[in-house]
């Protein structure tokens, strides 16, 4: 019986993790769809620069825009799931 309960907990944990990953992927996809082509280019440059030398001050506006979109999408997604 204990092994069955343990297995059920493992399955629940796996399901929660899988669901969260799917939610995060959906939110990320929606964020990318809402960015303009110019914003996507700026974001890509900022990420490339960050890999080599870290984010620059000039990257702040696009990073803040992406962060706001992630917050908005997370709230919308949570509201749709409720």
N, C-alpha and C. Protein backbone atom coordinates (compact mmCIF):
# COMPACT_ATOMS: atom_id res chain seq x y z
N UNK A 1 0.82 -1.20 0.00
CA UNK A 1 0.00 0.00 0.00
C UNK A 1 0.86 1.26 0.00
N UNK A 2 1.93 1.25 0.80
CA UNK A 2 2.80 2.42 0.86
C UNK A 2 3.44 2.68 -0.50
N UNK A 3 3.81 1.61 -1.22
CA UNK A 3 4.44 1.81 -2.53
C UNK A 3 3.44 2.38 -3.53
N UNK A 4 2.18 2.00 -3.41
CA UNK A 4 1.15 2.55 -4.29
C UNK A 4 0.96 4.04 -4.01
N UNK A 5 0.91 4.42 -2.75
CA UNK A 5 0.77 5.83 -2.38
C UNK A 5 1.97 6.63 -2.86
N UNK A 6 3.17 6.05 -2.72
CA UNK A 6 4.39 6.73 -3.17
C UNK A 6 4.34 6.93 -4.68
N UNK A 7 3.91 5.89 -5.39
CA UNK A 7 3.83 5.97 -6.86
C UNK A 7 2.80 7.01 -7.28
N UNK A 8 1.67 7.08 -6.60
CA UNK A 8 0.66 8.10 -6.91
C UNK A 8 1.20 9.50 -6.69
N UNK A 9 1.95 9.72 -5.61
CA UNK A 9 2.56 11.03 -5.36
C UNK A 9 3.55 11.38 -6.47
N UNK A 10 4.33 10.38 -6.91
CA UNK A 10 5.28 10.61 -8.00
C UNK A 10 4.56 11.00 -9.28
N UNK A 11 3.47 10.32 -9.58
CA UNK A 11 2.70 10.63 -10.78
C UNK A 11 2.08 12.03 -10.70
N UNK A 12 1.57 12.39 -9.52
CA UNK A 12 1.00 13.73 -9.34
C UNK A 12 2.08 14.79 -9.53
N UNK A 13 3.25 14.57 -8.98
CA UNK A 13 4.36 15.51 -9.13
C UNK A 13 4.74 15.64 -10.59
N UNK A 14 4.83 14.52 -11.28
CA UNK A 14 5.17 14.54 -12.71
C UNK A 14 4.12 15.30 -13.51
N UNK A 15 2.85 15.05 -13.22
CA UNK A 15 1.77 15.72 -13.93
C UNK A 15 1.82 17.22 -13.69
N UNK A 16 2.06 17.64 -12.44
CA UNK A 16 2.17 19.06 -12.13
C UNK A 16 3.33 19.70 -12.88
N UNK A 17 4.46 19.01 -12.91
CA UNK A 17 5.64 19.53 -13.59
C UNK A 17 5.39 19.64 -15.09
N UNK A 18 4.80 18.62 -15.68
CA UNK A 18 4.50 18.64 -17.11
C UNK A 18 3.53 19.76 -17.45
N UNK A 19 2.53 19.93 -16.63
CA UNK A 19 1.54 20.97 -16.85
C UNK A 19 2.17 22.36 -16.77
N UNK A 20 3.04 22.55 -15.78
CA UNK A 20 3.73 23.84 -15.65
C UNK A 20 4.59 24.13 -16.87
N UNK A 21 5.30 23.11 -17.35
CA UNK A 21 6.14 23.31 -18.54
C UNK A 21 5.30 23.67 -19.75
N UNK A 22 4.16 23.02 -19.90
CA UNK A 22 3.27 23.34 -21.02
C UNK A 22 2.74 24.77 -20.89
N UNK A 23 2.38 25.16 -19.68
CA UNK A 23 1.90 26.53 -19.44
C UNK A 23 2.99 27.53 -19.78
N UNK A 24 4.21 27.29 -19.31
CA UNK A 24 5.31 28.20 -19.58
C UNK A 24 5.60 28.30 -21.07
N UNK A 25 5.52 27.20 -21.78
CA UNK A 25 5.75 27.21 -23.23
C UNK A 25 4.66 28.01 -23.94
N UNK A 26 3.42 27.84 -23.51
CA UNK A 26 2.31 28.59 -24.11
C UNK A 26 2.46 30.08 -23.85
N UNK A 27 2.83 30.45 -22.65
CA UNK A 27 3.03 31.86 -22.31
C UNK A 27 4.18 32.43 -23.13
N UNK A 28 5.30 31.72 -23.18
CA UNK A 28 6.45 32.18 -23.95
C UNK A 28 6.12 32.36 -25.42
N UNK A 29 5.36 31.43 -25.98
CA UNK A 29 4.96 31.55 -27.38
C UNK A 29 4.08 32.76 -27.62
N UNK A 30 3.16 33.02 -26.70
CA UNK A 30 2.28 34.18 -26.84
C UNK A 30 3.07 35.48 -26.71
N UNK A 31 4.03 35.52 -25.81
CA UNK A 31 4.88 36.71 -25.66
C UNK A 31 5.60 36.98 -26.98
N UNK A 32 6.20 35.97 -27.55
CA UNK A 32 6.94 36.15 -28.80
C UNK A 32 6.02 36.59 -29.93
N UNK A 33 4.77 36.10 -29.96
CA UNK A 33 3.82 36.52 -30.99
C UNK A 33 3.43 37.99 -30.84
N UNK A 34 3.45 38.48 -29.61
CA UNK A 34 3.01 39.86 -29.38
C UNK A 34 4.12 40.89 -29.59
N UNK A 35 5.34 40.44 -29.73
CA UNK A 35 6.43 41.36 -30.02
C UNK A 35 6.44 41.67 -31.52
N UNK A 36 6.76 42.92 -31.84
CA UNK A 36 6.90 43.29 -33.25
C UNK A 36 8.20 42.69 -33.78
N UNK A 37 8.35 42.71 -35.10
CA UNK A 37 9.59 42.22 -35.70
C UNK A 37 10.80 43.00 -35.18
N UNK A 38 10.64 44.31 -35.07
CA UNK A 38 11.73 45.14 -34.56
C UNK A 38 12.07 44.78 -33.10
N UNK A 39 11.05 44.56 -32.30
CA UNK A 39 11.28 44.18 -30.91
C UNK A 39 11.97 42.82 -30.81
N UNK A 40 11.55 41.90 -31.66
CA UNK A 40 12.20 40.59 -31.67
C UNK A 40 13.68 40.70 -32.03
N UNK A 41 13.99 41.53 -33.01
CA UNK A 41 15.38 41.74 -33.39
C UNK A 41 16.18 42.35 -32.24
N UNK A 42 15.61 43.35 -31.58
CA UNK A 42 16.29 43.99 -30.45
C UNK A 42 16.49 42.99 -29.31
N UNK A 43 15.48 42.17 -29.05
CA UNK A 43 15.57 41.18 -27.97
C UNK A 43 16.65 40.15 -28.30
N UNK A 44 16.68 39.70 -29.54
CA UNK A 44 17.70 38.73 -29.96
C UNK A 44 19.11 39.33 -29.81
N UNK A 45 19.28 40.58 -30.21
CA UNK A 45 20.59 41.24 -30.04
C UNK A 45 20.97 41.33 -28.57
N UNK A 46 19.99 41.66 -27.73
CA UNK A 46 20.27 41.78 -26.29
C UNK A 46 20.69 40.43 -25.71
N UNK A 47 20.02 39.37 -26.13
CA UNK A 47 20.38 38.03 -25.63
C UNK A 47 21.75 37.61 -26.13
N UNK A 48 22.04 37.89 -27.40
CA UNK A 48 23.37 37.57 -27.94
C UNK A 48 24.45 38.32 -27.19
N UNK A 49 24.21 39.60 -26.95
CA UNK A 49 25.19 40.42 -26.24
C UNK A 49 25.38 39.89 -24.81
N UNK A 50 24.29 39.48 -24.20
CA UNK A 50 24.36 38.99 -22.82
C UNK A 50 25.23 37.74 -22.72
N UNK A 51 25.19 36.91 -23.75
CA UNK A 51 26.01 35.70 -23.74
C UNK A 51 27.51 36.02 -23.76
N UNK A 52 27.85 37.11 -24.41
CA UNK A 52 29.27 37.45 -24.55
C UNK A 52 29.78 38.42 -23.49
N UNK A 53 28.97 39.42 -23.16
CA UNK A 53 29.48 40.46 -22.27
C UNK A 53 28.51 40.91 -21.19
N UNK A 54 27.34 40.34 -21.15
CA UNK A 54 26.33 40.77 -20.19
C UNK A 54 25.41 41.79 -20.82
N UNK A 55 24.29 42.03 -20.18
CA UNK A 55 23.34 43.00 -20.71
C UNK A 55 23.90 44.41 -20.59
N UNK A 56 23.60 45.24 -21.59
CA UNK A 56 24.01 46.63 -21.58
C UNK A 56 22.82 47.49 -21.18
N UNK A 57 23.09 48.71 -20.78
CA UNK A 57 22.03 49.64 -20.40
C UNK A 57 21.04 49.84 -21.55
N UNK A 58 21.55 49.82 -22.76
CA UNK A 58 20.68 50.02 -23.92
C UNK A 58 19.69 48.86 -24.10
N UNK A 59 19.94 47.74 -23.45
CA UNK A 59 19.04 46.60 -23.53
C UNK A 59 17.85 46.72 -22.59
N UNK A 60 17.94 47.61 -21.63
CA UNK A 60 16.91 47.71 -20.60
C UNK A 60 15.48 47.86 -21.15
N UNK A 61 15.23 48.76 -22.12
CA UNK A 61 13.84 48.92 -22.59
C UNK A 61 13.23 47.64 -23.17
N UNK A 62 13.98 46.91 -23.98
CA UNK A 62 13.40 45.71 -24.57
C UNK A 62 13.25 44.62 -23.51
N UNK A 63 14.17 44.53 -22.59
CA UNK A 63 14.04 43.53 -21.52
C UNK A 63 12.85 43.82 -20.63
N UNK A 64 12.61 45.10 -20.35
CA UNK A 64 11.44 45.48 -19.55
C UNK A 64 10.15 45.19 -20.31
N UNK A 65 10.16 45.43 -21.62
CA UNK A 65 8.97 45.14 -22.44
C UNK A 65 8.65 43.65 -22.41
N UNK A 66 9.65 42.82 -22.58
CA UNK A 66 9.44 41.37 -22.57
C UNK A 66 8.97 40.92 -21.19
N UNK A 67 9.57 41.48 -20.16
CA UNK A 67 9.15 41.12 -18.79
C UNK A 67 7.69 41.49 -18.55
N UNK A 68 7.28 42.68 -18.99
CA UNK A 68 5.87 43.09 -18.83
C UNK A 68 4.93 42.14 -19.57
N UNK A 69 5.33 41.77 -20.79
CA UNK A 69 4.49 40.85 -21.55
C UNK A 69 4.37 39.50 -20.85
N UNK A 70 5.48 39.01 -20.30
CA UNK A 70 5.41 37.74 -19.57
C UNK A 70 4.46 37.86 -18.38
N UNK A 71 4.52 38.97 -17.67
CA UNK A 71 3.62 39.17 -16.53
C UNK A 71 2.17 39.22 -16.97
N UNK A 72 1.90 39.98 -18.06
CA UNK A 72 0.54 40.08 -18.57
C UNK A 72 0.01 38.72 -19.02
N UNK A 73 0.83 37.99 -19.77
CA UNK A 73 0.41 36.69 -20.27
C UNK A 73 0.19 35.70 -19.12
N UNK A 74 1.04 35.76 -18.11
CA UNK A 74 0.88 34.88 -16.96
C UNK A 74 -0.44 35.15 -16.26
N UNK A 75 -0.76 36.43 -16.09
CA UNK A 75 -2.03 36.80 -15.45
C UNK A 75 -3.22 36.37 -16.30
N UNK A 76 -3.14 36.64 -17.61
CA UNK A 76 -4.24 36.24 -18.51
C UNK A 76 -4.40 34.72 -18.51
N UNK A 77 -3.28 34.03 -18.55
CA UNK A 77 -3.33 32.58 -18.60
C UNK A 77 -3.91 32.02 -17.29
N UNK A 78 -3.50 32.58 -16.17
CA UNK A 78 -4.02 32.13 -14.87
C UNK A 78 -5.52 32.41 -14.76
N UNK A 79 -5.94 33.57 -15.28
CA UNK A 79 -7.36 33.92 -15.27
C UNK A 79 -8.19 33.00 -16.14
N UNK A 80 -7.63 32.59 -17.25
CA UNK A 80 -8.34 31.69 -18.16
C UNK A 80 -8.45 30.28 -17.56
N UNK A 81 -7.49 29.91 -16.71
CA UNK A 81 -7.50 28.58 -16.12
C UNK A 81 -8.40 28.50 -14.90
N UNK A 82 -8.75 29.66 -14.32
CA UNK A 82 -9.55 29.67 -13.09
C UNK A 82 -11.00 29.39 -13.37
